[in-house]
């Protein structure tokens, strides 16, 4: 994943979360905010209660791969928060859940 697609600064992540636009499921929450860039950017947040470092790194790699394959995305900044329930999911289920949430963000923005 190229660096231009990452949100790294904690001020930017806090701004996205404090913007208070989010969609969620029992496995993930996606906070989003419109960006002035020509492409999307995202960050992944996962707590230490999720599991050991290898489990956390695995799901982060899987989420990055899902976002990398999504080419036609709006120019938003996303923060993906992984909940503990996501441990039981397979890659296909993770992909389906995240794609549904991303589609919900687009639907809610089209309603505004």
PDB file of N, CA and C in Angstrom:
ATOM      1  N   UNK A   1       0.845  -1.167   0.000  1.00  0.00           N
ATOM      2  CA  UNK A   1       0.000   0.000   0.000  1.00  0.00           C
ATOM      3  C   UNK A   1       0.893   1.233   0.000  1.00  0.00           C
ATOM      4  N   UNK A   2       0.635   2.139  -0.890  1.00  0.00           N
ATOM      5  CA  UNK A   2       1.445   3.341  -0.998  1.00  0.00           C
ATOM      6  C   UNK A   2       1.168   4.278   0.175  1.00  0.00           C
ATOM      7  N   UNK A   3       2.163   5.057   0.519  1.00  0.00           N
ATOM      8  CA  UNK A   3       2.037   5.959   1.656  1.00  0.00           C
ATOM      9  C   UNK A   3       0.983   7.034   1.447  1.00  0.00           C
ATOM     10  N   UNK A   4       0.709   7.375   0.205  1.00  0.00           N
ATOM     11  CA  UNK A   4      -0.286   8.422  -0.055  1.00  0.00           C
ATOM     12  C   UNK A   4      -1.690   7.987   0.347  1.00  0.00           C
ATOM     13  N   UNK A   5      -1.906   6.701   0.538  1.00  0.00           N
ATOM     14  CA  UNK A   5      -3.228   6.195   0.919  1.00  0.00           C
ATOM     15  C   UNK A   5      -3.375   5.975   2.420  1.00  0.00           C
ATOM     16  N   UNK A   6      -2.396   6.389   3.210  1.00  0.00           N
ATOM     17  CA  UNK A   6      -2.440   6.177   4.652  1.00  0.00           C
ATOM     18  C   UNK A   6      -2.659   7.478   5.397  1.00  0.00           C
ATOM     19  N   UNK A   7      -3.418   7.400   6.462  1.00  0.00           N
ATOM     20  CA  UNK A   7      -3.549   8.501   7.407  1.00  0.00           C
ATOM     21  C   UNK A   7      -2.656   8.125   8.576  1.00  0.00           C
ATOM     22  N   UNK A   8      -1.617   8.903   8.841  1.00  0.00           N
ATOM     23  CA  UNK A   8      -0.637   8.529   9.848  1.00  0.00           C
ATOM     24  C   UNK A   8      -0.653   9.431  11.077  1.00  0.00           C
ATOM     25  N   UNK A   9      -0.948  10.701  10.892  1.00  0.00           N
ATOM     26  CA  UNK A   9      -0.849  11.649  12.000  1.00  0.00           C
ATOM     27  C   UNK A   9      -2.052  11.509  12.933  1.00  0.00           C
ATOM     28  N   UNK A  10      -1.755  11.526  14.217  1.00  0.00           N
ATOM     29  CA  UNK A  10      -2.830  11.342  15.195  1.00  0.00           C
ATOM     30  C   UNK A  10      -3.817  12.503  15.171  1.00  0.00           C
ATOM     31  N   UNK A  11      -3.381  13.701  14.818  1.00  0.00           N
ATOM     32  CA  UNK A  11      -4.303  14.841  14.705  1.00  0.00           C
ATOM     33  C   UNK A  11      -5.327  14.592  13.602  1.00  0.00           C
ATOM     34  N   UNK A  12      -4.872  14.025  12.487  1.00  0.00           N
ATOM     35  CA  UNK A  12      -5.793  13.740  11.386  1.00  0.00           C
ATOM     36  C   UNK A  12      -6.779  12.637  11.776  1.00  0.00           C
ATOM     37  N   UNK A  13      -6.290  11.621  12.468  1.00  0.00           N
ATOM     38  CA  UNK A  13      -7.163  10.529  12.904  1.00  0.00           C
ATOM     39  C   UNK A  13      -8.198  11.051  13.900  1.00  0.00           C
ATOM     40  N   UNK A  14      -7.764  11.881  14.839  1.00  0.00           N
ATOM     41  CA  UNK A  14      -8.697  12.474  15.800  1.00  0.00           C
ATOM     42  C   UNK A  14      -9.729  13.345  15.107  1.00  0.00           C
ATOM     43  N   UNK A  15      -9.322  14.087  14.079  1.00  0.00           N
ATOM     44  CA  UNK A  15     -10.257  14.939  13.345  1.00  0.00           C
ATOM     45  C   UNK A  15     -11.317  14.101  12.639  1.00  0.00           C
ATOM     46  N   UNK A  16     -10.917  12.970  12.089  1.00  0.00           N
ATOM     47  CA  UNK A  16     -11.874  12.094  11.404  1.00  0.00           C
ATOM     48  C   UNK A  16     -12.877  11.521  12.408  1.00  0.00           C
ATOM     49  N   UNK A  17     -12.375  11.061  13.547  1.00  0.00           N
ATOM     50  CA  UNK A  17     -13.261  10.471  14.556  1.00  0.00           C
ATOM     51  C   UNK A  17     -14.171  11.532  15.166  1.00  0.00           C
ATOM     52  N   UNK A  18     -13.649  12.721  15.417  1.00  0.00           N
ATOM     53  CA  UNK A  18     -14.453  13.785  16.016  1.00  0.00           C
ATOM     54  C   UNK A  18     -15.462  14.379  15.040  1.00  0.00           C
ATOM     55  N   UNK A  19     -15.307  14.086  13.757  1.00  0.00           N
ATOM     56  CA  UNK A  19     -16.275  14.544  12.756  1.00  0.00           C
ATOM     57  C   UNK A  19     -17.633  13.856  12.936  1.00  0.00           C
ATOM     58  N   UNK A  20     -17.635  12.732  13.637  1.00  0.00           N
ATOM     59  CA  UNK A  20     -18.830  12.014  14.073  1.00  0.00           C
ATOM     60  C   UNK A  20     -19.676  11.421  12.942  1.00  0.00           C
ATOM     61  N   UNK A  21     -19.078  11.103  11.822  1.00  0.00           N
ATOM     62  CA  UNK A  21     -19.804  10.371  10.795  1.00  0.00           C
ATOM     63  C   UNK A  21     -19.249   8.961  10.797  1.00  0.00           C
ATOM     64  N   UNK A  22     -20.117   7.990  11.051  1.00  0.00           N
ATOM     65  CA  UNK A  22     -19.640   6.619  11.129  1.00  0.00           C
ATOM     66  C   UNK A  22     -20.731   5.646  10.719  1.00  0.00           C
ATOM     67  N   UNK A  23     -20.287   4.485  10.302  1.00  0.00           N
ATOM     68  CA  UNK A  23     -21.166   3.339  10.070  1.00  0.00           C
ATOM     69  C   UNK A  23     -20.511   2.167  10.762  1.00  0.00           C
ATOM     70  N   UNK A  24     -21.312   1.224  11.218  1.00  0.00           N
ATOM     71  CA  UNK A  24     -20.724   0.125  11.957  1.00  0.00           C
ATOM     72  C   UNK A  24     -21.515  -1.148  11.867  1.00  0.00           C
ATOM     73  N   UNK A  25     -20.851  -2.195  12.250  1.00  0.00           N
ATOM     74  CA  UNK A  25     -21.466  -3.509  12.392  1.00  0.00           C
ATOM     75  C   UNK A  25     -20.956  -4.094  13.695  1.00  0.00           C
ATOM     76  N   UNK A  26     -21.236  -5.347  13.940  1.00  0.00           N
ATOM     77  CA  UNK A  26     -20.761  -5.914  15.194  1.00  0.00           C
ATOM     78  C   UNK A  26     -19.286  -6.283  15.128  1.00  0.00           C
ATOM     79  N   UNK A  27     -18.677  -6.172  13.942  1.00  0.00           N
ATOM     80  CA  UNK A  27     -17.270  -6.504  13.780  1.00  0.00           C
ATOM     81  C   UNK A  27     -16.372  -5.291  13.544  1.00  0.00           C
ATOM     82  N   UNK A  28     -16.888  -4.268  12.861  1.00  0.00           N
ATOM     83  CA  UNK A  28     -16.080  -3.109  12.494  1.00  0.00           C
ATOM     84  C   UNK A  28     -16.883  -1.818  12.653  1.00  0.00           C
ATOM     85  N   UNK A  29     -16.168  -0.714  12.831  1.00  0.00           N
ATOM     86  CA  UNK A  29     -16.750   0.626  12.764  1.00  0.00           C
ATOM     87  C   UNK A  29     -15.866   1.414  11.809  1.00  0.00           C
ATOM     88  N   UNK A  30     -16.491   2.111  10.881  1.00  0.00           N
ATOM     89  CA  UNK A  30     -15.730   2.958   9.960  1.00  0.00           C
ATOM     90  C   UNK A  30     -16.157   4.400  10.188  1.00  0.00           C
ATOM     91  N   UNK A  31     -15.200   5.222  10.603  1.00  0.00           N
ATOM     92  CA  UNK A  31     -15.395   6.659  10.693  1.00  0.00           C
ATOM     93  C   UNK A  31     -14.900   7.247   9.387  1.00  0.00           C
ATOM     94  N   UNK A  32     -15.596   8.257   8.883  1.00  0.00           N
ATOM     95  CA  UNK A  32     -15.180   8.826   7.610  1.00  0.00           C
ATOM     96  C   UNK A  32     -15.403  10.327   7.591  1.00  0.00           C
ATOM     97  N   UNK A  33     -14.632  10.969   6.741  1.00  0.00           N
ATOM     98  CA  UNK A  33     -14.699  12.409   6.582  1.00  0.00           C
ATOM     99  C   UNK A  33     -14.289  12.736   5.162  1.00  0.00           C
ATOM    100  N   UNK A  34     -14.959  13.695   4.570  1.00  0.00           N
ATOM    101  CA  UNK A  34     -14.620  14.079   3.203  1.00  0.00           C
ATOM    102  C   UNK A  34     -13.227  14.694   3.169  1.00  0.00           C
ATOM    103  N   UNK A  35     -12.508  14.368   2.122  1.00  0.00           N
ATOM    104  CA  UNK A  35     -11.119  14.803   2.001  1.00  0.00           C
ATOM    105  C   UNK A  35     -10.959  15.754   0.828  1.00  0.00           C
ATOM    106  N   UNK A  36      -9.946  16.584   0.883  1.00  0.00           N
ATOM    107  CA  UNK A  36      -9.667  17.481  -0.233  1.00  0.00           C
ATOM    108  C   UNK A  36      -8.651  16.875  -1.192  1.00  0.00           C
ATOM    109  N   UNK A  37      -8.243  15.638  -0.941  1.00  0.00           N
ATOM    110  CA  UNK A  37      -7.328  14.924  -1.829  1.00  0.00           C
ATOM    111  C   UNK A  37      -8.123  14.308  -2.973  1.00  0.00           C
ATOM    112  N   UNK A  38      -7.415  13.856  -3.994  1.00  0.00           N
ATOM    113  CA  UNK A  38      -8.070  13.231  -5.141  1.00  0.00           C
ATOM    114  C   UNK A  38      -8.241  11.730  -4.976  1.00  0.00           C
ATOM    115  N   UNK A  39      -7.895  11.206  -3.814  1.00  0.00           N
ATOM    116  CA  UNK A  39      -7.985   9.773  -3.564  1.00  0.00           C
ATOM    117  C   UNK A  39      -8.353   9.546  -2.105  1.00  0.00           C
ATOM    118  N   UNK A  40      -8.695   8.314  -1.789  1.00  0.00           N
ATOM    119  CA  UNK A  40      -9.048   7.981  -0.413  1.00  0.00           C
ATOM    120  C   UNK A  40      -7.783   7.736   0.396  1.00  0.00           C
ATOM    121  N   UNK A  41      -7.918   7.854   1.713  1.00  0.00           N
ATOM    122  CA  UNK A  41      -6.853   7.494   2.656  1.00  0.00           C
ATOM    123  C   UNK A  41      -7.512   6.773   3.816  1.00  0.00           C
ATOM    124  N   UNK A  42      -6.762   5.935   4.505  1.00  0.00           N
ATOM    125  CA  UNK A  42      -7.355   5.219   5.623  1.00  0.00           C
ATOM    126  C   UNK A  42      -6.318   4.892   6.684  1.00  0.00           C
ATOM    127  N   UNK A  43      -6.834   4.616   7.870  1.00  0.00           N
ATOM    128  CA  UNK A  43      -6.032   4.162   8.995  1.00  0.00           C
ATOM    129  C   UNK A  43      -6.785   3.011   9.649  1.00  0.00           C
ATOM    130  N   UNK A  44      -6.035   2.137  10.325  1.00  0.00           N
ATOM    131  CA  UNK A  44      -6.627   0.991  10.988  1.00  0.00           C
ATOM    132  C   UNK A  44      -6.328   1.099  12.475  1.00  0.00           C
ATOM    133  N   UNK A  45      -7.366   0.937  13.287  1.00  0.00           N
ATOM    134  CA  UNK A  45      -7.202   0.965  14.736  1.00  0.00           C
ATOM    135  C   UNK A  45      -7.659  -0.374  15.294  1.00  0.00           C
ATOM    136  N   UNK A  46      -6.780  -0.982  16.092  1.00  0.00           N
ATOM    137  CA  UNK A  46      -7.102  -2.266  16.687  1.00  0.00           C
ATOM    138  C   UNK A  46      -6.502  -2.303  18.084  1.00  0.00           C
ATOM    139  N   UNK A  47      -7.306  -2.705  19.052  1.00  0.00           N
ATOM    140  CA  UNK A  47      -6.859  -2.694  20.444  1.00  0.00           C
ATOM    141  C   UNK A  47      -6.027  -3.907  20.811  1.00  0.00           C
ATOM    142  N   UNK A  48      -5.303  -3.792  21.896  1.00  0.00           N
ATOM    143  CA  UNK A  48      -4.461  -4.892  22.355  1.00  0.00           C
ATOM    144  C   UNK A  48      -5.279  -6.053  22.897  1.00  0.00           C
ATOM    145  N   UNK A  49      -6.532  -5.819  23.227  1.00  0.00           N
ATOM    146  CA  UNK A  49      -7.385  -6.896  23.718  1.00  0.00           C
ATOM    147  C   UNK A  49      -7.794  -7.855  22.599  1.00  0.00           C
ATOM    148  N   UNK A  50      -7.546  -7.470  21.357  1.00  0.00           N
ATOM    149  CA  UNK A  50      -7.918  -8.306  20.213  1.00  0.00           C
ATOM    150  C   UNK A  50      -7.187  -9.641  20.251  1.00  0.00           C
ATOM    151  N   UNK A  51      -5.938  -9.640  20.626  1.00  0.00           N
ATOM    152  CA  UNK A  51      -5.155 -10.875  20.669  1.00  0.00           C
ATOM    153  C   UNK A  51      -3.677 -10.549  20.645  1.00  0.00           C
ATOM    154  N   UNK A  52      -2.890 -11.533  20.347  1.00  0.00           N
ATOM    155  CA  UNK A  52      -1.448 -11.319  20.270  1.00  0.00           C
ATOM    156  C   UNK A  52      -1.098 -10.547  19.006  1.00  0.00           C
ATOM    157  N   UNK A  53       0.138 -10.092  18.924  1.00  0.00           N
ATOM    158  CA  UNK A  53       0.578  -9.234  17.828  1.00  0.00           C
ATOM    159  C   UNK A  53       0.394  -9.905  16.469  1.00  0.00           C
ATOM    160  N   UNK A  54       0.601 -11.203  16.398  1.00  0.00           N
ATOM    161  CA  UNK A  54       0.453 -11.883  15.110  1.00  0.00           C
ATOM    162  C   UNK A  54      -0.989 -11.852  14.619  1.00  0.00           C
ATOM    163  N   UNK A  55      -1.942 -11.982  15.540  1.00  0.00           N
ATOM    164  CA  UNK A  55      -3.354 -11.913  15.150  1.00  0.00           C
ATOM    165  C   UNK A  55      -3.718 -10.501  14.692  1.00  0.00           C
ATOM    166  N   UNK A  56      -3.229  -9.499  15.423  1.00  0.00           N
ATOM    167  CA  UNK A  56      -3.517  -8.110  15.047  1.00  0.00           C
ATOM    168  C   UNK A  56      -2.895  -7.774  13.699  1.00  0.00           C
ATOM    169  N   UNK A  57      -1.662  -8.207  13.474  1.00  0.00           N
ATOM    170  CA  UNK A  57      -0.997  -7.928  12.204  1.00  0.00           C
ATOM    171  C   UNK A  57      -1.683  -8.633  11.044  1.00  0.00           C
ATOM    172  N   UNK A  58      -2.178  -9.833  11.274  1.00  0.00           N
ATOM    173  CA  UNK A  58      -2.870 -10.568  10.218  1.00  0.00           C
ATOM    174  C   UNK A  58      -4.110  -9.821   9.752  1.00  0.00           C
ATOM    175  N   UNK A  59      -4.940  -9.385  10.683  1.00  0.00           N
ATOM    176  CA  UNK A  59      -6.172  -8.701  10.266  1.00  0.00           C
ATOM    177  C   UNK A  59      -5.855  -7.338   9.649  1.00  0.00           C
ATOM    178  N   UNK A  60      -4.803  -6.678  10.101  1.00  0.00           N
ATOM    179  CA  UNK A  60      -4.414  -5.403   9.477  1.00  0.00           C
ATOM    180  C   UNK A  60      -3.963  -5.632   8.034  1.00  0.00           C
ATOM    181  N   UNK A  61      -3.202  -6.690   7.802  1.00  0.00           N
ATOM    182  CA  UNK A  61      -2.774  -6.997   6.432  1.00  0.00           C
ATOM    183  C   UNK A  61      -3.977  -7.315   5.550  1.00  0.00           C
ATOM    184  N   UNK A  62      -4.935  -8.043   6.101  1.00  0.00           N
ATOM    185  CA  UNK A  62      -6.120  -8.387   5.326  1.00  0.00           C
ATOM    186  C   UNK A  62      -6.936  -7.147   4.983  1.00  0.00           C
ATOM    187  N   UNK A  63      -7.086  -6.233   5.936  1.00  0.00           N
ATOM    188  CA  UNK A  63      -7.845  -5.000   5.693  1.00  0.00           C
ATOM    189  C   UNK A  63      -7.133  -4.137   4.658  1.00  0.00           C
ATOM    190  N   UNK A  64      -5.806  -4.040   4.760  1.00  0.00           N
ATOM    191  CA  UNK A  64      -5.053  -3.270   3.759  1.00  0.00           C
ATOM    192  C   UNK A  64      -5.243  -3.844   2.360  1.00  0.00           C
ATOM    193  N   UNK A  65      -5.259  -5.162   2.243  1.00  0.00           N
ATOM    194  CA  UNK A  65      -5.449  -5.811   0.946  1.00  0.00           C
ATOM    195  C   UNK A  65      -6.838  -5.507   0.394  1.00  0.00           C
ATOM    196  N   UNK A  66      -7.840  -5.501   1.247  1.00  0.00           N
ATOM    197  CA  UNK A  66      -9.201  -5.196   0.805  1.00  0.00           C
ATOM    198  C   UNK A  66      -9.286  -3.765   0.285  1.00  0.00           C
ATOM    199  N   UNK A  67      -8.692  -2.813   1.002  1.00  0.00           N
ATOM    200  CA  UNK A  67      -8.715  -1.423   0.557  1.00  0.00           C
ATOM    201  C   UNK A  67      -7.879  -1.231  -0.703  1.00  0.00           C
ATOM    202  N   UNK A  68      -6.810  -1.989  -0.843  1.00  0.00           N
ATOM    203  CA  UNK A  68      -5.945  -1.855  -2.006  1.00  0.00           C
ATOM    204  C   UNK A  68      -6.659  -2.302  -3.280  1.00  0.00           C
ATOM    205  N   UNK A  69      -7.513  -3.294  -3.174  1.00  0.00           N
ATOM    206  CA  UNK A  69      -8.224  -3.787  -4.347  1.00  0.00           C
ATOM    207  C   UNK A  69      -9.405  -2.900  -4.730  1.00  0.00           C
ATOM    208  N   UNK A  70      -9.855  -2.044  -3.806  1.00  0.00           N
ATOM    209  CA  UNK A  70     -10.971  -1.141  -4.100  1.00  0.00           C
ATOM    210  C   UNK A  70     -10.424   0.090  -4.822  1.00  0.00           C
ATOM    211  N   UNK A  71     -10.588   0.149  -6.109  1.00  0.00           N
ATOM    212  CA  UNK A  71     -10.040   1.263  -6.898  1.00  0.00           C
ATOM    213  C   UNK A  71     -11.010   2.443  -6.973  1.00  0.00           C
ATOM    214  N   UNK A  72     -12.285   2.166  -7.192  1.00  0.00           N
ATOM    215  CA  UNK A  72     -13.263   3.241  -7.372  1.00  0.00           C
ATOM    216  C   UNK A  72     -13.845   3.632  -6.018  1.00  0.00           C
ATOM    217  N   UNK A  73     -13.061   4.365  -5.254  1.00  0.00           N
ATOM    218  CA  UNK A  73     -13.506   4.801  -3.933  1.00  0.00           C
ATOM    219  C   UNK A  73     -13.606   6.319  -3.938  1.00  0.00           C
ATOM    220  N   UNK A  74     -14.530   6.864  -3.166  1.00  0.00           N
ATOM    221  CA  UNK A  74     -14.640   8.316  -3.090  1.00  0.00           C
ATOM    222  C   UNK A  74     -13.440   8.911  -2.353  1.00  0.00           C
ATOM    223  N   UNK A  75     -13.261  10.199  -2.500  1.00  0.00           N
ATOM    224  CA  UNK A  75     -12.117  10.858  -1.847  1.00  0.00           C
ATOM    225  C   UNK A  75     -12.484  11.186  -0.399  1.00  0.00           C
ATOM    226  N   UNK A  76     -12.410  10.167   0.431  1.00  0.00           N
ATOM    227  CA  UNK A  76     -12.688  10.284   1.854  1.00  0.00           C
ATOM    228  C   UNK A  76     -11.482   9.796   2.641  1.00  0.00           C
ATOM    229  N   UNK A  77     -11.421  10.232   3.891  1.00  0.00           N
ATOM    230  CA  UNK A  77     -10.477   9.680   4.841  1.00  0.00           C
ATOM    231  C   UNK A  77     -11.264   8.734   5.740  1.00  0.00           C
ATOM    232  N   UNK A  78     -10.760   7.518   5.921  1.00  0.00           N
ATOM    233  CA  UNK A  78     -11.434   6.495   6.708  1.00  0.00           C
ATOM    234  C   UNK A  78     -10.558   6.104   7.894  1.00  0.00           C
ATOM    235  N   UNK A  79     -11.201   5.782   9.006  1.00  0.00           N
ATOM    236  CA  UNK A  79     -10.542   5.117  10.131  1.00  0.00           C
ATOM    237  C   UNK A  79     -11.356   3.861  10.405  1.00  0.00           C
ATOM    238  N   UNK A  80     -10.716   2.712  10.242  1.00  0.00           N
ATOM    239  CA  UNK A  80     -11.374   1.430  10.465  1.00  0.00           C
ATOM    240  C   UNK A  80     -11.020   0.961  11.870  1.00  0.00           C
ATOM    241  N   UNK A  81     -12.032   0.784  12.708  1.00  0.00           N
ATOM    242  CA  UNK A  81     -11.837   0.285  14.067  1.00  0.00           C
ATOM    243  C   UNK A  81     -12.287  -1.172  14.081  1.00  0.00           C
ATOM    244  N   UNK A  82     -11.385  -2.048  14.483  1.00  0.00           N
ATOM    245  CA  UNK A  82     -11.661  -3.484  14.508  1.00  0.00           C
ATOM    246  C   UNK A  82     -12.132  -3.852  15.912  1.00  0.00           C
ATOM    247  N   UNK A  83     -13.275  -4.505  15.992  1.00  0.00           N
ATOM    248  CA  UNK A  83     -13.798  -4.965  17.277  1.00  0.00           C
ATOM    249  C   UNK A  83     -13.341  -6.393  17.550  1.00  0.00           C
ATOM    250  N   UNK A  84     -13.413  -6.794  18.810  1.00  0.00           N
ATOM    251  CA  UNK A  84     -12.943  -8.118  19.207  1.00  0.00           C
ATOM    252  C   UNK A  84     -13.705  -9.257  18.547  1.00  0.00           C
ATOM    253  N   UNK A  85     -14.956  -9.034  18.167  1.00  0.00           N
ATOM    254  CA  UNK A  85     -15.770 -10.084  17.548  1.00  0.00           C
ATOM    255  C   UNK A  85     -15.216 -10.519  16.195  1.00  0.00           C
ATOM    256  N   UNK A  86     -14.357  -9.728  15.589  1.00  0.00           N
ATOM    257  CA  UNK A  86     -13.852 -10.026  14.250  1.00  0.00           C
ATOM    258  C   UNK A  86     -12.857 -11.181  14.244  1.00  0.00           C
ATOM    259  N   UNK A  87     -12.455 -11.663  15.401  1.00  0.00           N
ATOM    260  CA  UNK A  87     -11.507 -12.786  15.469  1.00  0.00           C
ATOM    261  C   UNK A  87     -12.032 -14.020  14.755  1.00  0.00           C
ATOM    262  N   UNK A  88     -13.317 -14.231  14.818  1.00  0.00           N
ATOM    263  CA  UNK A  88     -13.902 -15.463  14.290  1.00  0.00           C
ATOM    264  C   UNK A  88     -14.128 -15.423  12.778  1.00  0.00           C
ATOM    265  N   UNK A  89     -13.862 -14.291  12.125  1.00  0.00           N
ATOM    266  CA  UNK A  89     -14.176 -14.146  10.705  1.00  0.00           C
ATOM    267  C   UNK A  89     -13.075 -14.696   9.808  1.00  0.00           C
ATOM    268  N   UNK A  90     -13.484 -15.252   8.692  1.00  0.00           N
ATOM    269  CA  UNK A  90     -12.561 -15.641   7.621  1.00  0.00           C
ATOM    270  C   UNK A  90     -12.365 -14.426   6.713  1.00  0.00           C
ATOM    271  N   UNK A  91     -11.382 -14.511   5.807  1.00  0.00           N
ATOM    272  CA  UNK A  91     -11.067 -13.375   4.937  1.00  0.00           C
ATOM    273  C   UNK A  91     -12.272 -12.939   4.109  1.00  0.00           C
ATOM    274  N   UNK A  92     -13.000 -13.883   3.552  1.00  0.00           N
ATOM    275  CA  UNK A  92     -14.178 -13.561   2.718  1.00  0.00           C
ATOM    276  C   UNK A  92     -15.225 -12.806   3.532  1.00  0.00           C
ATOM    277  N   UNK A  93     -15.436 -13.210   4.773  1.00  0.00           N
ATOM    278  CA  UNK A  93     -16.413 -12.533   5.629  1.00  0.00           C
ATOM    279  C   UNK A  93     -15.941 -11.127   5.992  1.00  0.00           C
ATOM    280  N   UNK A  94     -14.640 -10.976   6.241  1.00  0.00           N
ATOM    281  CA  UNK A  94     -14.085  -9.651   6.527  1.00  0.00           C
ATOM    282  C   UNK A  94     -14.292  -8.741   5.320  1.00  0.00           C
ATOM    283  N   UNK A  95     -13.997  -9.280   4.144  1.00  0.00           N
ATOM    284  CA  UNK A  95     -14.146  -8.500   2.910  1.00  0.00           C
ATOM    285  C   UNK A  95     -15.595  -8.082   2.691  1.00  0.00           C
ATOM    286  N   UNK A  96     -16.526  -9.001   2.870  1.00  0.00           N
ATOM    287  CA  UNK A  96     -17.949  -8.690   2.688  1.00  0.00           C
ATOM    288  C   UNK A  96     -18.416  -7.628   3.682  1.00  0.00           C
ATOM    289  N   UNK A  97     -18.018  -7.773   4.942  1.00  0.00           N
ATOM    290  CA  UNK A  97     -18.411  -6.795   5.964  1.00  0.00           C
ATOM    291  C   UNK A  97     -17.875  -5.409   5.653  1.00  0.00           C
ATOM    292  N   UNK A  98     -16.602  -5.320   5.306  1.00  0.00           N
ATOM    293  CA  UNK A  98     -16.016  -4.002   5.022  1.00  0.00           C
ATOM    294  C   UNK A  98     -16.604  -3.380   3.764  1.00  0.00           C
ATOM    295  N   UNK A  99     -16.837  -4.186   2.728  1.00  0.00           N
ATOM    296  CA  UNK A  99     -17.433  -3.642   1.506  1.00  0.00           C
ATOM    297  C   UNK A  99     -18.849  -3.133   1.767  1.00  0.00           C
ATOM    298  N   UNK A 100     -19.610  -3.841   2.596  1.00  0.00           N
ATOM    299  CA  UNK A 100     -20.950  -3.365   2.950  1.00  0.00           C
ATOM    300  C   UNK A 100     -20.881  -2.031   3.683  1.00  0.00           C
ATOM    301  N   UNK A 101     -19.942  -1.905   4.617  1.00  0.00           N
ATOM    302  CA  UNK A 101     -19.815  -0.653   5.369  1.00  0.00           C
ATOM    303  C   UNK A 101     -19.355   0.491   4.467  1.00  0.00           C
ATOM    304  N   UNK A 102     -18.449   0.205   3.548  1.00  0.00           N
ATOM    305  CA  UNK A 102     -17.995   1.256   2.617  1.00  0.00           C
ATOM    306  C   UNK A 102     -19.150   1.700   1.733  1.00  0.00           C
ATOM    307  N   UNK A 103     -19.963   0.748   1.277  1.00  0.00           N
ATOM    308  CA  UNK A 103     -21.139   1.102   0.478  1.00  0.00           C
ATOM    309  C   UNK A 103     -22.129   1.930   1.292  1.00  0.00           C
ATOM    310  N   UNK A 104     -22.268   1.621   2.583  1.00  0.00           N
ATOM    311  CA  UNK A 104     -23.161   2.414   3.436  1.00  0.00           C
ATOM    312  C   UNK A 104     -22.664   3.852   3.569  1.00  0.00           C
ATOM    313  N   UNK A 105     -21.345   4.039   3.624  1.00  0.00           N
ATOM    314  CA  UNK A 105     -20.822   5.415   3.734  1.00  0.00           C
ATOM    315  C   UNK A 105     -21.187   6.206   2.477  1.00  0.00           C
ATOM    316  N   UNK A 106     -21.107   5.564   1.329  1.00  0.00           N
ATOM    317  CA  UNK A 106     -21.462   6.238   0.085  1.00  0.00           C
ATOM    318  C   UNK A 106     -22.951   6.527   0.016  1.00  0.00           C
ATOM    319  N   UNK A 107     -23.777   5.602   0.501  1.00  0.00           N
ATOM    320  CA  UNK A 107     -25.228   5.801   0.486  1.00  0.00           C
ATOM    321  C   UNK A 107     -25.638   6.939   1.408  1.00  0.00           C
ATOM    322  N   UNK A 108     -25.052   6.993   2.610  1.00  0.00           N
ATOM    323  CA  UNK A 108     -25.423   8.051   3.535  1.00  0.00           C
ATOM    324  C   UNK A 108     -24.974   9.419   3.036  1.00  0.00           C
ATOM    325  N   UNK A 109     -23.859   9.466   2.347  1.00  0.00           N
ATOM    326  CA  UNK A 109     -23.399  10.748   1.796  1.00  0.00           C
ATOM    327  C   UNK A 109     -24.258  11.182   0.612  1.00  0.00           C
ATOM    328  N   UNK A 110     -24.762  10.234  -0.155  1.00  0.00           N
ATOM    329  CA  UNK A 110     -25.636  10.583  -1.273  1.00  0.00           C
ATOM    330  C   UNK A 110     -26.974  11.111  -0.784  1.00  0.00           C
ATOM    331  N   UNK A 111     -27.411  10.699   0.409  1.00  0.00           N
ATOM    332  CA  UNK A 111     -28.683  11.167   0.967  1.00  0.00           C
ATOM    333  C   UNK A 111     -28.590  12.600   1.445  1.00  0.00           C
ATOM    334  N   UNK A 112     -27.385  13.057   1.791  1.00  0.00           N
ATOM    335  CA  UNK A 112     -27.224  14.407   2.342  1.00  0.00           C
ATOM    336  C   UNK A 112     -27.276  15.454   1.293  1.00  0.00           C
TER     337      UNK A 112
END
